[in-house]
Amino acid sequence: MSIEDNKVVVRGTLTGTNEGSLIGMPATSRKATWTAIHSFRLAGGKVVEHWGNVDMMGLMTQLGHIPS
């Protein structure tokens, strides 16, 4: 995590099992690990802007929705 003035950046690695539909695609019961980066701008103690980047290609490939 990085904090500078009114901006916060968080990078994480997530792991989960696809047990329900995901953006309209059926569950696969497969496990997956993917990364995400989120940037926030704060004002008055509140989040006023948010940008996110999630490795959806890697996630969908691991779940079998996109051929490797």
PDB file of N, CA and C in Angstrom:
ATOM      1  N   MET A   1       0.854  -1.165   0.000  1.00  0.00           N
ATOM      2  CA  MET A   1       0.000   0.000   0.000  1.00  0.00           C
ATOM      3  C   MET A   1       0.899   1.225   0.000  1.00  0.00           C
ATOM      4  N   SER A   2       0.476   2.229  -0.723  1.00  0.00           N
ATOM      5  CA  SER A   2       1.215   3.484  -0.809  1.00  0.00           C
ATOM      6  C   SER A   2       0.251   4.630  -0.510  1.00  0.00           C
ATOM      7  N   ILE A   3       0.678   5.552   0.333  1.00  0.00           N
ATOM      8  CA  ILE A   3      -0.151   6.709   0.683  1.00  0.00           C
ATOM      9  C   ILE A   3       0.660   7.972   0.433  1.00  0.00           C
ATOM     10  N   GLU A   4       0.098   8.911  -0.320  1.00  0.00           N
ATOM     11  CA  GLU A   4       0.765  10.176  -0.584  1.00  0.00           C
ATOM     12  C   GLU A   4      -0.291  11.264  -0.648  1.00  0.00           C
ATOM     13  N   ASP A   5      -0.177  12.248   0.220  1.00  0.00           N
ATOM     14  CA  ASP A   5      -1.142  13.348   0.295  1.00  0.00           C
ATOM     15  C   ASP A   5      -2.573  12.811   0.369  1.00  0.00           C
ATOM     16  N   ASN A   6      -3.325  12.984  -0.682  1.00  0.00           N
ATOM     17  CA  ASN A   6      -4.725  12.564  -0.660  1.00  0.00           C
ATOM     18  C   ASN A   6      -4.971  11.351  -1.554  1.00  0.00           C
ATOM     19  N   LYS A   7      -3.903  10.591  -1.859  1.00  0.00           N
ATOM     20  CA  LYS A   7      -4.036   9.421  -2.725  1.00  0.00           C
ATOM     21  C   LYS A   7      -3.553   8.162  -2.019  1.00  0.00           C
ATOM     22  N   VAL A   8      -4.263   7.052  -2.271  1.00  0.00           N
ATOM     23  CA  VAL A   8      -3.899   5.754  -1.710  1.00  0.00           C
ATOM     24  C   VAL A   8      -3.903   4.736  -2.847  1.00  0.00           C
ATOM     25  N   VAL A   9      -2.865   3.898  -2.907  1.00  0.00           N
ATOM     26  CA  VAL A   9      -2.787   2.839  -3.908  1.00  0.00           C
ATOM     27  C   VAL A   9      -2.625   1.513  -3.173  1.00  0.00           C
ATOM     28  N   VAL A  10      -3.444   0.534  -3.562  1.00  0.00           N
ATOM     29  CA  VAL A  10      -3.400  -0.787  -2.938  1.00  0.00           C
ATOM     30  C   VAL A  10      -3.221  -1.831  -4.032  1.00  0.00           C
ATOM     31  N   ARG A  11      -2.242  -2.717  -3.857  1.00  0.00           N
ATOM     32  CA  ARG A  11      -2.042  -3.834  -4.784  1.00  0.00           C
ATOM     33  C   ARG A  11      -2.236  -5.109  -3.996  1.00  0.00           C
ATOM     34  N   GLY A  12      -2.972  -6.042  -4.576  1.00  0.00           N
ATOM     35  CA  GLY A  12      -3.221  -7.281  -3.855  1.00  0.00           C
ATOM     36  C   GLY A  12      -3.248  -8.486  -4.769  1.00  0.00           C
ATOM     37  N   THR A  13      -3.036  -9.644  -4.170  1.00  0.00           N
ATOM     38  CA  THR A  13      -3.195 -10.923  -4.849  1.00  0.00           C
ATOM     39  C   THR A  13      -4.353 -11.631  -4.184  1.00  0.00           C
ATOM     40  N   LEU A  14      -5.308 -12.050  -4.980  1.00  0.00           N
ATOM     41  CA  LEU A  14      -6.523 -12.677  -4.465  1.00  0.00           C
ATOM     42  C   LEU A  14      -6.589 -14.124  -4.920  1.00  0.00           C
ATOM     43  N   THR A  15      -7.198 -14.964  -4.107  1.00  0.00           N
ATOM     44  CA  THR A  15      -7.382 -16.376  -4.428  1.00  0.00           C
ATOM     45  C   THR A  15      -8.809 -16.757  -4.087  1.00  0.00           C
ATOM     46  N   GLY A  16      -9.421 -17.540  -4.962  1.00  0.00           N
ATOM     47  CA  GLY A  16     -10.787 -17.972  -4.680  1.00  0.00           C
ATOM     48  C   GLY A  16     -11.181 -19.160  -5.530  1.00  0.00           C
ATOM     49  N   THR A  17     -12.353 -19.699  -5.240  1.00  0.00           N
ATOM     50  CA  THR A  17     -12.928 -20.813  -5.988  1.00  0.00           C
ATOM     51  C   THR A  17     -14.216 -20.326  -6.629  1.00  0.00           C
ATOM     52  N   ASN A  18     -14.367 -20.568  -7.915  1.00  0.00           N
ATOM     53  CA  ASN A  18     -15.535 -20.117  -8.683  1.00  0.00           C
ATOM     54  C   ASN A  18     -16.716 -21.049  -8.408  1.00  0.00           C
ATOM     55  N   GLU A  19     -17.530 -20.673  -7.425  1.00  0.00           N
ATOM     56  CA  GLU A  19     -18.664 -21.509  -7.015  1.00  0.00           C
ATOM     57  C   GLU A  19     -20.009 -20.951  -7.457  1.00  0.00           C
ATOM     58  N   GLY A  20     -20.022 -19.798  -8.093  1.00  0.00           N
ATOM     59  CA  GLY A  20     -21.258 -19.195  -8.583  1.00  0.00           C
ATOM     60  C   GLY A  20     -21.004 -18.547  -9.927  1.00  0.00           C
ATOM     61  N   SER A  21     -22.058 -18.095 -10.592  1.00  0.00           N
ATOM     62  CA  SER A  21     -21.869 -17.461 -11.894  1.00  0.00           C
ATOM     63  C   SER A  21     -21.029 -16.196 -11.727  1.00  0.00           C
ATOM     64  N   LEU A  22     -20.247 -15.912 -12.745  1.00  0.00           N
ATOM     65  CA  LEU A  22     -19.354 -14.748 -12.728  1.00  0.00           C
ATOM     66  C   LEU A  22     -19.561 -14.001 -14.030  1.00  0.00           C
ATOM     67  N   ILE A  23     -20.040 -12.799 -13.948  1.00  0.00           N
ATOM     68  CA  ILE A  23     -20.399 -11.949 -15.093  1.00  0.00           C
ATOM     69  C   ILE A  23     -21.110 -12.747 -16.191  1.00  0.00           C
ATOM     70  N   GLY A  24     -22.103 -13.513 -15.764  1.00  0.00           N
ATOM     71  CA  GLY A  24     -22.938 -14.257 -16.698  1.00  0.00           C
ATOM     72  C   GLY A  24     -22.394 -15.608 -17.128  1.00  0.00           C
ATOM     73  N   MET A  25     -21.221 -15.989 -16.644  1.00  0.00           N
ATOM     74  CA  MET A  25     -20.640 -17.288 -17.002  1.00  0.00           C
ATOM     75  C   MET A  25     -20.868 -18.263 -15.869  1.00  0.00           C
ATOM     76  N   PRO A  26     -21.138 -19.533 -16.203  1.00  0.00           N
ATOM     77  CA  PRO A  26     -21.444 -20.504 -15.158  1.00  0.00           C
ATOM     78  C   PRO A  26     -20.242 -20.831 -14.268  1.00  0.00           C
ATOM     79  N   ALA A  27     -20.538 -21.300 -13.074  1.00  0.00           N
ATOM     80  CA  ALA A  27     -19.491 -21.711 -12.133  1.00  0.00           C
ATOM     81  C   ALA A  27     -18.704 -22.881 -12.709  1.00  0.00           C
ATOM     82  N   THR A  28     -17.397 -22.916 -12.388  1.00  0.00           N
ATOM     83  CA  THR A  28     -16.527 -23.996 -12.870  1.00  0.00           C
ATOM     84  C   THR A  28     -15.964 -24.831 -11.731  1.00  0.00           C
ATOM     85  N   SER A  29     -16.116 -24.365 -10.499  1.00  0.00           N
ATOM     86  CA  SER A  29     -15.540 -25.014  -9.312  1.00  0.00           C
ATOM     87  C   SER A  29     -14.012 -25.039  -9.340  1.00  0.00           C
ATOM     88  N   ARG A  30     -13.399 -24.244 -10.203  1.00  0.00           N
ATOM     89  CA  ARG A  30     -11.938 -24.165 -10.279  1.00  0.00           C
ATOM     90  C   ARG A  30     -11.422 -23.088  -9.343  1.00  0.00           C
ATOM     91  N   LYS A  31     -10.199 -23.300  -8.833  1.00  0.00           N
ATOM     92  CA  LYS A  31      -9.528 -22.299  -8.017  1.00  0.00           C
ATOM     93  C   LYS A  31      -8.719 -21.384  -8.934  1.00  0.00           C
ATOM     94  N   ALA A  32      -8.573 -20.129  -8.530  1.00  0.00           N
ATOM     95  CA  ALA A  32      -7.814 -19.167  -9.322  1.00  0.00           C
ATOM     96  C   ALA A  32      -7.114 -18.176  -8.396  1.00  0.00           C
ATOM     97  N   THR A  33      -6.017 -17.615  -8.886  1.00  0.00           N
ATOM     98  CA  THR A  33      -5.279 -16.563  -8.194  1.00  0.00           C
ATOM     99  C   THR A  33      -5.050 -15.448  -9.199  1.00  0.00           C
ATOM    100  N   TRP A  34      -5.346 -14.193  -8.817  1.00  0.00           N
ATOM    101  CA  TRP A  34      -5.194 -13.064  -9.721  1.00  0.00           C
ATOM    102  C   TRP A  34      -4.767 -11.838  -8.935  1.00  0.00           C
ATOM    103  N   THR A  35      -4.318 -10.825  -9.653  1.00  0.00           N
ATOM    104  CA  THR A  35      -3.853  -9.602  -9.013  1.00  0.00           C
ATOM    105  C   THR A  35      -4.800  -8.442  -9.327  1.00  0.00           C
ATOM    106  N   ALA A  36      -4.766  -7.441  -8.469  1.00  0.00           N
ATOM    107  CA  ALA A  36      -5.565  -6.233  -8.667  1.00  0.00           C
ATOM    108  C   ALA A  36      -4.817  -5.044  -8.073  1.00  0.00           C
ATOM    109  N   ILE A  37      -4.996  -3.895  -8.697  1.00  0.00           N
ATOM    110  CA  ILE A  37      -4.441  -2.640  -8.199  1.00  0.00           C
ATOM    111  C   ILE A  37      -5.589  -1.636  -8.145  1.00  0.00           C
ATOM    112  N   HIS A  38      -5.744  -0.966  -7.008  1.00  0.00           N
ATOM    113  CA  HIS A  38      -6.794   0.039  -6.848  1.00  0.00           C
ATOM    114  C   HIS A  38      -6.169   1.345  -6.364  1.00  0.00           C
ATOM    115  N   SER A  39      -6.563   2.440  -6.995  1.00  0.00           N
ATOM    116  CA  SER A  39      -6.097   3.771  -6.604  1.00  0.00           C
ATOM    117  C   SER A  39      -7.303   4.586  -6.154  1.00  0.00           C
ATOM    118  N   PHE A  40      -7.127   5.301  -5.063  1.00  0.00           N
ATOM    119  CA  PHE A  40      -8.212   6.111  -4.505  1.00  0.00           C
ATOM    120  C   PHE A  40      -7.728   7.538  -4.296  1.00  0.00           C
ATOM    121  N   ARG A  41      -8.623   8.500  -4.523  1.00  0.00           N
ATOM    122  CA  ARG A  41      -8.350   9.888  -4.152  1.00  0.00           C
ATOM    123  C   ARG A  41      -9.337  10.273  -3.069  1.00  0.00           C
ATOM    124  N   LEU A  42      -8.811  10.842  -1.998  1.00  0.00           N
ATOM    125  CA  LEU A  42      -9.622  11.195  -0.840  1.00  0.00           C
ATOM    126  C   LEU A  42      -9.810  12.706  -0.753  1.00  0.00           C
ATOM    127  N   ALA A  43     -10.976  13.092  -0.263  1.00  0.00           N
ATOM    128  CA  ALA A  43     -11.252  14.511   0.005  1.00  0.00           C
ATOM    129  C   ALA A  43     -12.261  14.565   1.138  1.00  0.00           C
ATOM    130  N   GLY A  44     -11.964  15.359   2.133  1.00  0.00           N
ATOM    131  CA  GLY A  44     -12.874  15.480   3.268  1.00  0.00           C
ATOM    132  C   GLY A  44     -13.086  14.175   4.012  1.00  0.00           C
ATOM    133  N   GLY A  45     -12.067  13.326   4.019  1.00  0.00           N
ATOM    134  CA  GLY A  45     -12.168  12.046   4.725  1.00  0.00           C
ATOM    135  C   GLY A  45     -12.987  10.991   3.990  1.00  0.00           C
ATOM    136  N   LYS A  46     -13.306  11.247   2.705  1.00  0.00           N
ATOM    137  CA  LYS A  46     -14.107  10.295   1.925  1.00  0.00           C
ATOM    138  C   LYS A  46     -13.408   9.979   0.612  1.00  0.00           C
ATOM    139  N   VAL A  47     -13.689   8.799   0.073  1.00  0.00           N
ATOM    140  CA  VAL A  47     -13.201   8.438  -1.254  1.00  0.00           C
ATOM    141  C   VAL A  47     -14.051   9.180  -2.276  1.00  0.00           C
ATOM    142  N   VAL A  48     -13.410   9.989  -3.106  1.00  0.00           N
ATOM    143  CA  VAL A  48     -14.148  10.756  -4.117  1.00  0.00           C
ATOM    144  C   VAL A  48     -13.846  10.282  -5.540  1.00  0.00           C
ATOM    145  N   GLU A  49     -12.773   9.514  -5.698  1.00  0.00           N
ATOM    146  CA  GLU A  49     -12.459   8.907  -6.990  1.00  0.00           C
ATOM    147  C   GLU A  49     -11.833   7.542  -6.745  1.00  0.00           C
ATOM    148  N   HIS A  50     -12.091   6.617  -7.678  1.00  0.00           N
ATOM    149  CA  HIS A  50     -11.531   5.272  -7.581  1.00  0.00           C
ATOM    150  C   HIS A  50     -11.220   4.774  -8.983  1.00  0.00           C
ATOM    151  N   TRP A  51     -10.028   4.205  -9.141  1.00  0.00           N
ATOM    152  CA  TRP A  51      -9.635   3.562 -10.385  1.00  0.00           C
ATOM    153  C   TRP A  51      -9.181   2.157 -10.021  1.00  0.00           C
ATOM    154  N   GLY A  52      -9.542   1.169 -10.823  1.00  0.00           N
ATOM    155  CA  GLY A  52      -9.155  -0.202 -10.531  1.00  0.00           C
ATOM    156  C   GLY A  52      -8.656  -0.913 -11.770  1.00  0.00           C
ATOM    157  N   ASN A  53      -7.743  -1.837 -11.559  1.00  0.00           N
ATOM    158  CA  ASN A  53      -7.218  -2.670 -12.635  1.00  0.00           C
ATOM    159  C   ASN A  53      -7.130  -4.085 -12.096  1.00  0.00           C
ATOM    160  N   VAL A  54      -7.919  -4.983 -12.680  1.00  0.00           N
ATOM    161  CA  VAL A  54      -7.959  -6.385 -12.241  1.00  0.00           C
ATOM    162  C   VAL A  54      -7.527  -7.259 -13.413  1.00  0.00           C
ATOM    163  N   ASP A  55      -6.713  -8.263 -13.145  1.00  0.00           N
ATOM    164  CA  ASP A  55      -6.239  -9.189 -14.182  1.00  0.00           C
ATOM    165  C   ASP A  55      -7.367 -10.158 -14.560  1.00  0.00           C
ATOM    166  N   MET A  56      -8.350  -9.649 -15.301  1.00  0.00           N
ATOM    167  CA  MET A  56      -9.493 -10.476 -15.702  1.00  0.00           C
ATOM    168  C   MET A  56      -9.098 -11.539 -16.727  1.00  0.00           C
ATOM    169  N   MET A  57      -8.137 -11.249 -17.603  1.00  0.00           N
ATOM    170  CA  MET A  57      -7.696 -12.236 -18.588  1.00  0.00           C
ATOM    171  C   MET A  57      -7.091 -13.449 -17.886  1.00  0.00           C
ATOM    172  N   GLY A  58      -6.225 -13.190 -16.902  1.00  0.00           N
ATOM    173  CA  GLY A  58      -5.638 -14.295 -16.146  1.00  0.00           C
ATOM    174  C   GLY A  58      -6.684 -15.068 -15.375  1.00  0.00           C
ATOM    175  N   LEU A  59      -7.635 -14.357 -14.767  1.00  0.00           N
ATOM    176  CA  LEU A  59      -8.696 -15.009 -14.004  1.00  0.00           C
ATOM    177  C   LEU A  59      -9.550 -15.889 -14.907  1.00  0.00           C
ATOM    178  N   MET A  60     -10.015 -15.338 -16.020  1.00  0.00           N
ATOM    179  CA  MET A  60     -10.885 -16.094 -16.926  1.00  0.00           C
ATOM    180  C   MET A  60     -10.170 -17.290 -17.555  1.00  0.00           C
ATOM    181  N   THR A  61      -8.864 -17.147 -17.802  1.00  0.00           N
ATOM    182  CA  THR A  61      -8.084 -18.262 -18.332  1.00  0.00           C
ATOM    183  C   THR A  61      -8.007 -19.387 -17.311  1.00  0.00           C
ATOM    184  N   GLN A  62      -7.725 -19.033 -16.051  1.00  0.00           N
ATOM    185  CA  GLN A  62      -7.639 -20.047 -15.000  1.00  0.00           C
ATOM    186  C   GLN A  62      -8.974 -20.757 -14.761  1.00  0.00           C
ATOM    187  N   LEU A  63     -10.055 -20.023 -14.948  1.00  0.00           N
ATOM    188  CA  LEU A  63     -11.374 -20.619 -14.730  1.00  0.00           C
ATOM    189  C   LEU A  63     -11.850 -21.431 -15.932  1.00  0.00           C
ATOM    190  N   GLY A  64     -11.137 -21.359 -17.046  1.00  0.00           N
ATOM    191  CA  GLY A  64     -11.480 -22.141 -18.225  1.00  0.00           C
ATOM    192  C   GLY A  64     -12.450 -21.447 -19.169  1.00  0.00           C
ATOM    193  N   HIS A  65     -12.729 -20.180 -18.947  1.00  0.00           N
ATOM    194  CA  HIS A  65     -13.647 -19.443 -19.813  1.00  0.00           C
ATOM    195  C   HIS A  65     -12.945 -18.906 -21.057  1.00  0.00           C
ATOM    196  N   ILE A  66     -11.604 -18.792 -21.010  1.00  0.00           N
ATOM    197  CA  ILE A  66     -10.790 -18.355 -22.144  1.00  0.00           C
ATOM    198  C   ILE A  66      -9.703 -19.407 -22.331  1.00  0.00           C
ATOM    199  N   PRO A  67      -9.498 -19.900 -23.555  1.00  0.00           N
ATOM    200  CA  PRO A  67      -8.442 -20.902 -23.772  1.00  0.00           C
ATOM    201  C   PRO A  67      -7.067 -20.345 -23.458  1.00  0.00           C
ATOM    202  N   SER A  68      -6.213 -21.192 -22.902  1.00  0.00           N
ATOM    203  CA  SER A  68      -4.844 -20.739 -22.580  1.00  0.00           C
ATOM    204  C   SER A  68      -3.942 -20.834 -23.783  1.00  0.00           C
TER     205      SER A  68
END
